Amino acid sequence: KEFLRDYEFGCTKDYMTGRKCTVSGCGGDCDDSIINFGENLPKRDIREGIDNFFKSELSLAMGSSLRVTPAADMPAQTAEKGGKLVIVNLQKTPLDSSSTFIVHGLCDDVMRLLMEKLELKIKTFVLKRKVKIQVIEKYGQKALLVEGVDHDGTPFSLFTDVEFTILGKTSKLKAEPFLVFLCSATGKPWYEICDKAKSEVKITLMFNKHYGEPNADIVIPLQGFTGKEYLMSYNPVKEDRSHWDSITCLLYTSPSPRDRG
């Protein structure tokens, strides 16, 4: 299984990331997807690359020296069968003589001008994060579990810390699982000893901040809650980056009569 994980990691000599697969029942070691020196491209990528360049009427090679094979040879497939090859690079490349057109410029500048010419809008990058909050059974008690999840529901380590605030008291957890029990020291559920105005828990999510993400607060009721998923959106290039642009509830599971207390 392939994962997209956009946080830094220390790579070992065997290119392991030091993390384990979070798919239920797996737990295997995760290695990186970087093509390091001495490693071959995946056969599937080579096959699809050659096939697509051969089919193309126009190929655009951008920001590449076109010197590292076999990928560097692929754009030539288009030119050899009579198609057009356009190269965008600051320096000369071995395929310059085979190209139809050469632009010695920055990729961003060229693409910006091209999109303007085509009257197409460049979409702003928006960071998406998905959070699952659910009530689970732990040691015979109900507990509140907070975890990041991938688009397919696979657990995703998104947080450095998570704070739970109940009745004005804050508990800060600094490692997974981010879990807090929903009972007081006497064993009674919190909502039974709270007044209605305070029968809720505030969850503060603290992110890795690779995109400068701010903390986010989510407030949920203590009584009758079983689980929700939230989709969070954040524009990392906007002027005011002090808050998430939106936090949308995606899923709500109605509590069963047994869970209503």
C-alpha atoms as a PDB file:
ATOM      1  CA  LYS A   1       0.000   0.000   0.000  1.00  0.00           C
ATOM      2  CA  GLU A   2       1.177   3.517  -0.805  1.00  0.00           C
ATOM      3  CA  PHE A   3       0.774   6.443   1.586  1.00  0.00           C
ATOM      4  CA  LEU A   4       1.161  10.156   1.011  1.00  0.00           C
ATOM      5  CA  ARG A   5       2.749  11.574   4.141  1.00  0.00           C
ATOM      6  CA  ASP A   6       3.939  15.176   3.983  1.00  0.00           C
ATOM      7  CA  TYR A   7       6.022  15.354   7.124  1.00  0.00           C
ATOM      8  CA  GLU A   8       9.773  15.123   7.514  1.00  0.00           C
ATOM      9  CA  PHE A   9      11.449  11.914   8.531  1.00  0.00           C
ATOM     10  CA  GLY A  10      14.963  10.698   9.106  1.00  0.00           C
ATOM     11  CA  CYS A  11      15.899   8.140   6.485  1.00  0.00           C
ATOM     12  CA  THR A  12      18.080   5.131   7.307  1.00  0.00           C
ATOM     13  CA  LYS A  13      20.647   3.417   5.077  1.00  0.00           C
ATOM     14  CA  ASP A  14      17.982   1.010   3.851  1.00  0.00           C
ATOM     15  CA  TYR A  15      15.633   3.955   3.116  1.00  0.00           C
ATOM     16  CA  MET A  16      13.167   3.073   5.867  1.00  0.00           C
ATOM     17  CA  THR A  17      11.233   6.029   7.277  1.00  0.00           C
ATOM     18  CA  GLY A  18      11.196   4.715  10.829  1.00  0.00           C
ATOM     19  CA  ARG A  19       7.390   4.554  10.804  1.00  0.00           C
ATOM     20  CA  LYS A  20       5.062   1.570  10.784  1.00  0.00           C
ATOM     21  CA  CYS A  21       2.113   0.907   8.499  1.00  0.00           C
ATOM     22  CA  THR A  22      -1.066   2.047  10.243  1.00  0.00           C
ATOM     23  CA  VAL A  23      -3.402  -0.262   8.327  1.00  0.00           C
ATOM     24  CA  SER A  24      -5.215  -2.471  10.802  1.00  0.00           C
ATOM     25  CA  GLY A  25      -3.469  -5.829  11.152  1.00  0.00           C
ATOM     26  CA  CYS A  26      -0.312  -4.808   9.264  1.00  0.00           C
ATOM     27  CA  GLY A  27       2.288  -2.852  11.234  1.00  0.00           C
ATOM     28  CA  GLY A  28       5.026  -3.398   8.651  1.00  0.00           C
ATOM     29  CA  ASP A  29       7.931  -1.011   8.101  1.00  0.00           C
ATOM     30  CA  CYS A  30       7.373   1.921   5.717  1.00  0.00           C
ATOM     31  CA  ASP A  31      10.073   2.879   3.229  1.00  0.00           C
ATOM     32  CA  ASP A  32      10.281   6.111   1.263  1.00  0.00           C
ATOM     33  CA  SER A  33       9.139   6.579  -2.335  1.00  0.00           C
ATOM     34  CA  ILE A  34      12.193   8.630  -3.356  1.00  0.00           C
ATOM     35  CA  ILE A  35      14.316   7.299  -6.203  1.00  0.00           C
ATOM     36  CA  ASN A  36      17.738   7.452  -4.600  1.00  0.00           C
ATOM     37  CA  PHE A  37      21.038   7.143  -6.469  1.00  0.00           C
ATOM     38  CA  GLY A  38      21.582   3.551  -7.479  1.00  0.00           C
ATOM     39  CA  GLU A  39      17.856   2.694  -7.360  1.00  0.00           C
ATOM     40  CA  ASN A  40      15.729   1.873 -10.380  1.00  0.00           C
ATOM     41  CA  LEU A  41      12.419   3.484 -11.249  1.00  0.00           C
ATOM     42  CA  PRO A  42       9.411   1.241 -10.616  1.00  0.00           C
ATOM     43  CA  LYS A  43       8.765  -0.879 -13.707  1.00  0.00           C
ATOM     44  CA  ARG A  44       5.168   0.294 -13.842  1.00  0.00           C
ATOM     45  CA  ASP A  45       6.226   3.961 -13.998  1.00  0.00           C
ATOM     46  CA  ILE A  46       8.767   3.280 -16.738  1.00  0.00           C
ATOM     47  CA  ARG A  47       6.250   1.347 -18.801  1.00  0.00           C
ATOM     48  CA  GLU A  48       3.529   3.993 -18.453  1.00  0.00           C
ATOM     49  CA  GLY A  49       5.999   6.829 -19.120  1.00  0.00           C
ATOM     50  CA  ILE A  50       7.293   5.366 -22.354  1.00  0.00           C
ATOM     51  CA  ASP A  51       3.784   4.548 -23.503  1.00  0.00           C
ATOM     52  CA  ASN A  52       2.422   8.039 -22.792  1.00  0.00           C
ATOM     53  CA  PHE A  53       5.335   9.862 -24.446  1.00  0.00           C
ATOM     54  CA  PHE A  54       4.980   7.663 -27.519  1.00  0.00           C
ATOM     55  CA  LYS A  55       1.251   8.430 -27.788  1.00  0.00           C
ATOM     56  CA  SER A  56       1.651  12.187 -27.238  1.00  0.00           C
ATOM     57  CA  GLU A  57       1.445  14.724 -30.030  1.00  0.00           C
ATOM     58  CA  LEU A  58       3.065  17.289 -27.741  1.00  0.00           C
ATOM     59  CA  SER A  59       5.348  16.693 -24.782  1.00  0.00           C
ATOM     60  CA  LEU A  60       6.535  19.330 -22.312  1.00  0.00           C
ATOM     61  CA  ALA A  61       9.776  18.683 -20.412  1.00  0.00           C
ATOM     62  CA  MET A  62      10.206  21.211 -17.602  1.00  0.00           C
ATOM     63  CA  GLY A  63      12.979  21.857 -15.096  1.00  0.00           C
ATOM     64  CA  SER A  64      14.987  18.777 -15.997  1.00  0.00           C
ATOM     65  CA  SER A  65      18.579  18.384 -17.168  1.00  0.00           C
ATOM     66  CA  LEU A  66      17.344  15.372 -19.194  1.00  0.00           C
ATOM     67  CA  ARG A  67      20.533  13.529 -18.346  1.00  0.00           C
ATOM     68  CA  VAL A  68      19.358  10.805 -15.941  1.00  0.00           C
ATOM     69  CA  THR A  69      18.120   7.779 -17.833  1.00  0.00           C
ATOM     70  CA  PRO A  70      15.798   6.034 -18.476  1.00  0.00           C
ATOM     71  CA  ALA A  71      13.427   8.915 -17.669  1.00  0.00           C
ATOM     72  CA  ALA A  72      15.578  11.362 -19.651  1.00  0.00           C
ATOM     73  CA  ASP A  73      15.093   9.300 -22.826  1.00  0.00           C
ATOM     74  CA  MET A  74      11.305   9.280 -22.666  1.00  0.00           C
ATOM     75  CA  PRO A  75      10.595  12.772 -24.127  1.00  0.00           C
ATOM     76  CA  ALA A  76      12.582  11.799 -27.228  1.00  0.00           C
ATOM     77  CA  GLN A  77       9.875   9.224 -28.003  1.00  0.00           C
ATOM     78  CA  THR A  78       7.496  12.035 -28.920  1.00  0.00           C
ATOM     79  CA  ALA A  79       9.976  13.772 -31.234  1.00  0.00           C
ATOM     80  CA  GLU A  80      11.067  10.530 -32.920  1.00  0.00           C
ATOM     81  CA  LYS A  81       7.535   9.698 -34.033  1.00  0.00           C
ATOM     82  CA  GLY A  82       6.947  13.195 -35.433  1.00  0.00           C
ATOM     83  CA  GLY A  83       5.392  14.893 -32.409  1.00  0.00           C
ATOM     84  CA  LYS A  84       6.459  18.179 -30.854  1.00  0.00           C
ATOM     85  CA  LEU A  85       8.800  18.421 -27.898  1.00  0.00           C
ATOM     86  CA  VAL A  86       8.987  21.650 -25.875  1.00  0.00           C
ATOM     87  CA  ILE A  87      11.762  22.019 -23.291  1.00  0.00           C
ATOM     88  CA  VAL A  88      11.673  24.531 -20.435  1.00  0.00           C
ATOM     89  CA  ASN A  89      14.986  24.683 -18.605  1.00  0.00           C
ATOM     90  CA  LEU A  90      17.560  27.277 -17.600  1.00  0.00           C
ATOM     91  CA  GLN A  91      20.443  25.283 -19.083  1.00  0.00           C
ATOM     92  CA  LYS A  92      21.028  23.316 -22.261  1.00  0.00           C
ATOM     93  CA  THR A  93      19.960  19.669 -22.412  1.00  0.00           C
ATOM     94  CA  PRO A  94      20.998  16.692 -24.605  1.00  0.00           C
ATOM     95  CA  LEU A  95      17.555  16.765 -26.258  1.00  0.00           C
ATOM     96  CA  ASP A  96      17.686  20.408 -27.357  1.00  0.00           C
ATOM     97  CA  SER A  97      18.442  19.389 -30.940  1.00  0.00           C
ATOM     98  CA  SER A  98      15.334  17.167 -30.991  1.00  0.00           C
ATOM     99  CA  SER A  99      13.015  19.818 -29.572  1.00  0.00           C
ATOM    100  CA  THR A 100      10.540  21.955 -31.474  1.00  0.00           C
ATOM    101  CA  PHE A 101      10.840  24.855 -29.078  1.00  0.00           C
ATOM    102  CA  ILE A 102      13.081  25.776 -26.138  1.00  0.00           C
ATOM    103  CA  VAL A 103      12.340  28.230 -23.310  1.00  0.00           C
ATOM    104  CA  HIS A 104      15.239  29.214 -21.060  1.00  0.00           C
ATOM    105  CA  GLY A 105      13.160  30.344 -18.086  1.00  0.00           C
ATOM    106  CA  LEU A 106      11.711  29.448 -14.717  1.00  0.00           C
ATOM    107  CA  CYS A 107       8.974  26.812 -14.727  1.00  0.00           C
ATOM    108  CA  ASP A 108       6.635  28.890 -12.548  1.00  0.00           C
ATOM    109  CA  ASP A 109       6.940  31.920 -14.826  1.00  0.00           C
ATOM    110  CA  VAL A 110       6.342  29.883 -17.975  1.00  0.00           C
ATOM    111  CA  MET A 111       3.306  28.082 -16.555  1.00  0.00           C
ATOM    112  CA  ARG A 112       1.827  31.329 -15.269  1.00  0.00           C
ATOM    113  CA  LEU A 113       2.068  32.906 -18.744  1.00  0.00           C
ATOM    114  CA  LEU A 114       0.748  29.756 -20.395  1.00  0.00           C
ATOM    115  CA  MET A 115      -2.299  29.628 -18.119  1.00  0.00           C
ATOM    116  CA  GLU A 116      -3.019  33.298 -18.814  1.00  0.00           C
ATOM    117  CA  LYS A 117      -2.820  32.626 -22.558  1.00  0.00           C
ATOM    118  CA  LEU A 118      -5.213  29.687 -22.221  1.00  0.00           C
ATOM    119  CA  GLU A 119      -7.487  31.810 -19.967  1.00  0.00           C
ATOM    120  CA  LEU A 120      -7.333  29.174 -17.262  1.00  0.00           C
ATOM    121  CA  LYS A 121      -7.246  29.996 -13.575  1.00  0.00           C
ATOM    122  CA  ILE A 122      -4.508  28.521 -11.410  1.00  0.00           C
ATOM    123  CA  LYS A 123      -6.220  27.005  -8.410  1.00  0.00           C
ATOM    124  CA  THR A 124      -4.997  28.004  -4.975  1.00  0.00           C
ATOM    125  CA  PHE A 125      -3.515  25.137  -2.995  1.00  0.00           C
ATOM    126  CA  VAL A 126      -5.735  24.227  -0.048  1.00  0.00           C
ATOM    127  CA  LEU A 127      -4.523  21.831   2.628  1.00  0.00           C
ATOM    128  CA  LYS A 128      -7.114  19.198   3.594  1.00  0.00           C
ATOM    129  CA  ARG A 129      -7.030  17.327   6.876  1.00  0.00           C
ATOM    130  CA  LYS A 130      -9.511  14.757   8.152  1.00  0.00           C
ATOM    131  CA  VAL A 131     -10.121  14.167  11.856  1.00  0.00           C
ATOM    132  CA  LYS A 132     -12.133  11.405  13.510  1.00  0.00           C
ATOM    133  CA  ILE A 133     -13.507  11.798  17.045  1.00  0.00           C
ATOM    134  CA  GLN A 134     -15.325   8.809  18.501  1.00  0.00           C
ATOM    135  CA  VAL A 135     -16.397   7.193  21.747  1.00  0.00           C
ATOM    136  CA  ILE A 136     -14.865   3.764  22.312  1.00  0.00           C
ATOM    137  CA  GLU A 137     -14.811   1.157  25.076  1.00  0.00           C
ATOM    138  CA  LYS A 138     -11.498   0.993  26.949  1.00  0.00           C
ATOM    139  CA  TYR A 139     -10.926  -1.095  30.093  1.00  0.00           C
ATOM    140  CA  GLY A 140     -14.685  -1.347  30.543  1.00  0.00           C
ATOM    141  CA  GLN A 141     -15.153   2.448  30.429  1.00  0.00           C
ATOM    142  CA  LYS A 142     -16.189   4.881  27.747  1.00  0.00           C
ATOM    143  CA  ALA A 143     -13.360   6.966  26.355  1.00  0.00           C
ATOM    144  CA  LEU A 144     -13.049   9.719  23.772  1.00  0.00           C
ATOM    145  CA  LEU A 145     -10.513   8.979  21.018  1.00  0.00           C
ATOM    146  CA  VAL A 146      -9.141  11.612  18.629  1.00  0.00           C
ATOM    147  CA  GLU A 147      -7.134  10.618  15.565  1.00  0.00           C
ATOM    148  CA  GLY A 148      -6.204  11.899  12.135  1.00  0.00           C
ATOM    149  CA  VAL A 149      -7.313   9.748   9.212  1.00  0.00           C
ATOM    150  CA  ASP A 150      -6.451   9.509   5.534  1.00  0.00           C
ATOM    151  CA  HIS A 151      -9.000   9.851   2.717  1.00  0.00           C
ATOM    152  CA  ASP A 152      -9.636   6.092   2.913  1.00  0.00           C
ATOM    153  CA  GLY A 153      -9.918   5.988   6.707  1.00  0.00           C
ATOM    154  CA  THR A 154      -6.346   4.812   7.340  1.00  0.00           C
ATOM    155  CA  PRO A 155      -4.957   6.360  10.572  1.00  0.00           C
ATOM    156  CA  PHE A 156      -2.747   9.381   9.848  1.00  0.00           C
ATOM    157  CA  SER A 157      -0.469  10.893  12.511  1.00  0.00           C
ATOM    158  CA  LEU A 158      -1.402  14.570  12.184  1.00  0.00           C
ATOM    159  CA  PHE A 159      -0.980  15.927  15.699  1.00  0.00           C
ATOM    160  CA  THR A 160       1.932  16.646  17.998  1.00  0.00           C
ATOM    161  CA  ASP A 161      -0.347  17.238  20.993  1.00  0.00           C
ATOM    162  CA  VAL A 162      -4.059  17.202  21.805  1.00  0.00           C
ATOM    163  CA  GLU A 163      -5.701  19.014  24.717  1.00  0.00           C
ATOM    164  CA  PHE A 164      -9.001  17.999  26.310  1.00  0.00           C
ATOM    165  CA  THR A 165     -10.787  20.597  28.452  1.00  0.00           C
ATOM    166  CA  ILE A 166     -13.644  19.437  30.708  1.00  0.00           C
ATOM    167  CA  LEU A 167     -15.157  21.597  33.477  1.00  0.00           C
ATOM    168  CA  GLY A 168     -12.364  24.112  33.025  1.00  0.00           C
ATOM    169  CA  LYS A 169      -9.661  21.509  33.607  1.00  0.00           C
ATOM    170  CA  THR A 170      -7.254  20.831  30.744  1.00  0.00           C
ATOM    171  CA  SER A 171      -5.406  17.598  30.088  1.00  0.00           C
ATOM    172  CA  LYS A 172      -2.647  17.698  27.448  1.00  0.00           C
ATOM    173  CA  LEU A 173      -1.548  14.503  25.707  1.00  0.00           C
ATOM    174  CA  LYS A 174       1.734  14.479  23.822  1.00  0.00           C
ATOM    175  CA  ALA A 175       1.636  11.064  22.163  1.00  0.00           C
ATOM    176  CA  GLU A 176      -0.806   8.734  20.435  1.00  0.00           C
ATOM    177  CA  PRO A 177      -3.319   7.413  21.234  1.00  0.00           C
ATOM    178  CA  PHE A 178      -4.995  10.738  22.057  1.00  0.00           C
ATOM    179  CA  LEU A 179      -7.625   9.352  24.406  1.00  0.00           C
ATOM    180  CA  VAL A 180      -9.430  10.616  27.513  1.00  0.00           C
ATOM    181  CA  PHE A 181     -11.914   8.740  29.703  1.00  0.00           C
ATOM    182  CA  LEU A 182     -15.407  10.161  29.971  1.00  0.00           C
ATOM    183  CA  CYS A 183     -15.856   9.324  33.650  1.00  0.00           C
ATOM    184  CA  SER A 184     -14.913  11.219  36.786  1.00  0.00           C
ATOM    185  CA  ALA A 185     -12.808   9.771  39.586  1.00  0.00           C
ATOM    186  CA  THR A 186     -16.013   8.432  41.148  1.00  0.00           C
ATOM    187  CA  GLY A 187     -16.840   6.519  37.991  1.00  0.00           C
ATOM    188  CA  LYS A 188     -19.822   8.680  37.056  1.00  0.00           C
ATOM    189  CA  PRO A 189     -20.078   9.962  33.465  1.00  0.00           C
ATOM    190  CA  TRP A 190     -19.003  13.609  33.253  1.00  0.00           C
ATOM    191  CA  TYR A 191     -22.363  14.729  31.839  1.00  0.00           C
ATOM    192  CA  GLU A 192     -24.132  13.497  34.985  1.00  0.00           C
ATOM    193  CA  ILE A 193     -22.139  15.830  37.257  1.00  0.00           C
ATOM    194  CA  CYS A 194     -22.042  18.818  34.882  1.00  0.00           C
ATOM    195  CA  ASP A 195     -24.718  21.420  34.426  1.00  0.00           C
ATOM    196  CA  LYS A 196     -26.062  21.775  30.893  1.00  0.00           C
ATOM    197  CA  ALA A 197     -23.946  24.846  30.181  1.00  0.00           C
ATOM    198  CA  LYS A 198     -20.752  22.907  30.849  1.00  0.00           C
ATOM    199  CA  SER A 199     -21.666  19.449  29.577  1.00  0.00           C
ATOM    200  CA  GLU A 200     -19.190  19.570  26.737  1.00  0.00           C
ATOM    201  CA  VAL A 201     -15.532  18.949  26.025  1.00  0.00           C
ATOM    202  CA  LYS A 202     -13.255  21.257  24.084  1.00  0.00           C
ATOM    203  CA  ILE A 203     -10.623  19.491  22.017  1.00  0.00           C
ATOM    204  CA  THR A 204      -7.606  21.512  20.912  1.00  0.00           C
ATOM    205  CA  LEU A 205      -5.665  19.995  18.026  1.00  0.00           C
ATOM    206  CA  MET A 206      -1.988  20.896  17.619  1.00  0.00           C
ATOM    207  CA  PHE A 207      -0.502  20.082  14.225  1.00  0.00           C
ATOM    208  CA  ASN A 208       3.001  19.404  12.904  1.00  0.00           C
ATOM    209  CA  LYS A 209       2.892  22.866  11.256  1.00  0.00           C
ATOM    210  CA  HIS A 210       4.680  21.871   8.075  1.00  0.00           C
ATOM    211  CA  TYR A 211       2.359  24.355   6.356  1.00  0.00           C
ATOM    212  CA  GLY A 212       2.147  26.721   9.313  1.00  0.00           C
ATOM    213  CA  GLU A 213      -1.182  25.242  10.395  1.00  0.00           C
ATOM    214  CA  PRO A 214      -2.612  26.924  13.493  1.00  0.00           C
ATOM    215  CA  ASN A 215      -4.204  25.034  16.371  1.00  0.00           C
ATOM    216  CA  ALA A 216      -7.879  24.215  16.020  1.00  0.00           C
ATOM    217  CA  ASP A 217     -10.640  23.861  18.615  1.00  0.00           C
ATOM    218  CA  ILE A 218     -13.541  21.445  18.270  1.00  0.00           C
ATOM    219  CA  VAL A 219     -16.292  21.391  20.907  1.00  0.00           C
ATOM    220  CA  ILE A 220     -18.516  18.349  21.336  1.00  0.00           C
ATOM    221  CA  PRO A 221     -21.278  17.452  23.828  1.00  0.00           C
ATOM    222  CA  LEU A 222     -20.535  14.970  26.588  1.00  0.00           C
ATOM    223  CA  GLN A 223     -23.959  13.357  26.514  1.00  0.00           C
ATOM    224  CA  GLY A 224     -25.247  11.344  23.583  1.00  0.00           C
ATOM    225  CA  PHE A 225     -22.143  11.721  21.464  1.00  0.00           C
ATOM    226  CA  THR A 226     -20.829   8.604  19.668  1.00  0.00           C
ATOM    227  CA  GLY A 227     -18.712   9.832  16.799  1.00  0.00           C
ATOM    228  CA  LYS A 228     -18.071  12.396  14.086  1.00  0.00           C
ATOM    229  CA  GLU A 229     -15.594  13.015  11.305  1.00  0.00           C
ATOM    230  CA  TYR A 230     -14.442  16.498  10.332  1.00  0.00           C
ATOM    231  CA  LEU A 231     -12.900  17.796   7.120  1.00  0.00           C
ATOM    232  CA  MET A 232     -10.600  20.750   7.762  1.00  0.00           C
ATOM    233  CA  SER A 233      -9.425  23.179   5.060  1.00  0.00           C
ATOM    234  CA  TYR A 234      -6.547  25.638   5.274  1.00  0.00           C
ATOM    235  CA  ASN A 235      -4.949  28.006   2.760  1.00  0.00           C
ATOM    236  CA  PRO A 236      -1.247  28.276   3.698  1.00  0.00           C
ATOM    237  CA  VAL A 237      -0.571  31.269   1.415  1.00  0.00           C
ATOM    238  CA  LYS A 238      -3.322  33.609   2.606  1.00  0.00           C
ATOM    239  CA  GLU A 239      -2.471  36.758   4.570  1.00  0.00           C
ATOM    240  CA  ASP A 240      -4.327  35.796   7.754  1.00  0.00           C
ATOM    241  CA  ARG A 241      -3.114  32.333   8.694  1.00  0.00           C
ATOM    242  CA  SER A 242      -4.282  32.436  12.295  1.00  0.00           C
ATOM    243  CA  HIS A 243      -7.233  30.082  11.749  1.00  0.00           C
ATOM    244  CA  TRP A 244      -8.491  27.240   9.579  1.00  0.00           C
ATOM    245  CA  ASP A 245     -10.731  28.333   6.702  1.00  0.00           C
ATOM    246  CA  SER A 246     -13.379  25.732   7.437  1.00  0.00           C
ATOM    247  CA  ILE A 247     -14.115  22.762   9.687  1.00  0.00           C
ATOM    248  CA  THR A 248     -16.987  20.714   8.276  1.00  0.00           C
ATOM    249  CA  CYS A 249     -18.713  17.779   9.930  1.00  0.00           C
ATOM    250  CA  LEU A 250     -18.777  14.843   7.500  1.00  0.00           C
ATOM    251  CA  LEU A 251     -20.260  12.011   9.515  1.00  0.00           C
ATOM    252  CA  TYR A 252     -22.574  11.702  12.473  1.00  0.00           C
ATOM    253  CA  THR A 253     -23.528   8.402  14.053  1.00  0.00           C
ATOM    254  CA  SER A 254     -26.730   8.672  16.078  1.00  0.00           C
ATOM    255  CA  PRO A 255     -26.328   7.294  19.581  1.00  0.00           C
ATOM    256  CA  SER A 256     -28.191   4.112  20.421  1.00  0.00           C
ATOM    257  CA  PRO A 257     -30.708   4.163  23.322  1.00  0.00           C
ATOM    258  CA  ARG A 258     -28.116   2.331  25.451  1.00  0.00           C
ATOM    259  CA  ASP A 259     -25.629   5.182  24.934  1.00  0.00           C
ATOM    260  CA  ARG A 260     -28.088   7.966  25.747  1.00  0.00           C
ATOM    261  CA  GLY A 261     -27.657   7.426  29.493  1.00  0.00           C
END
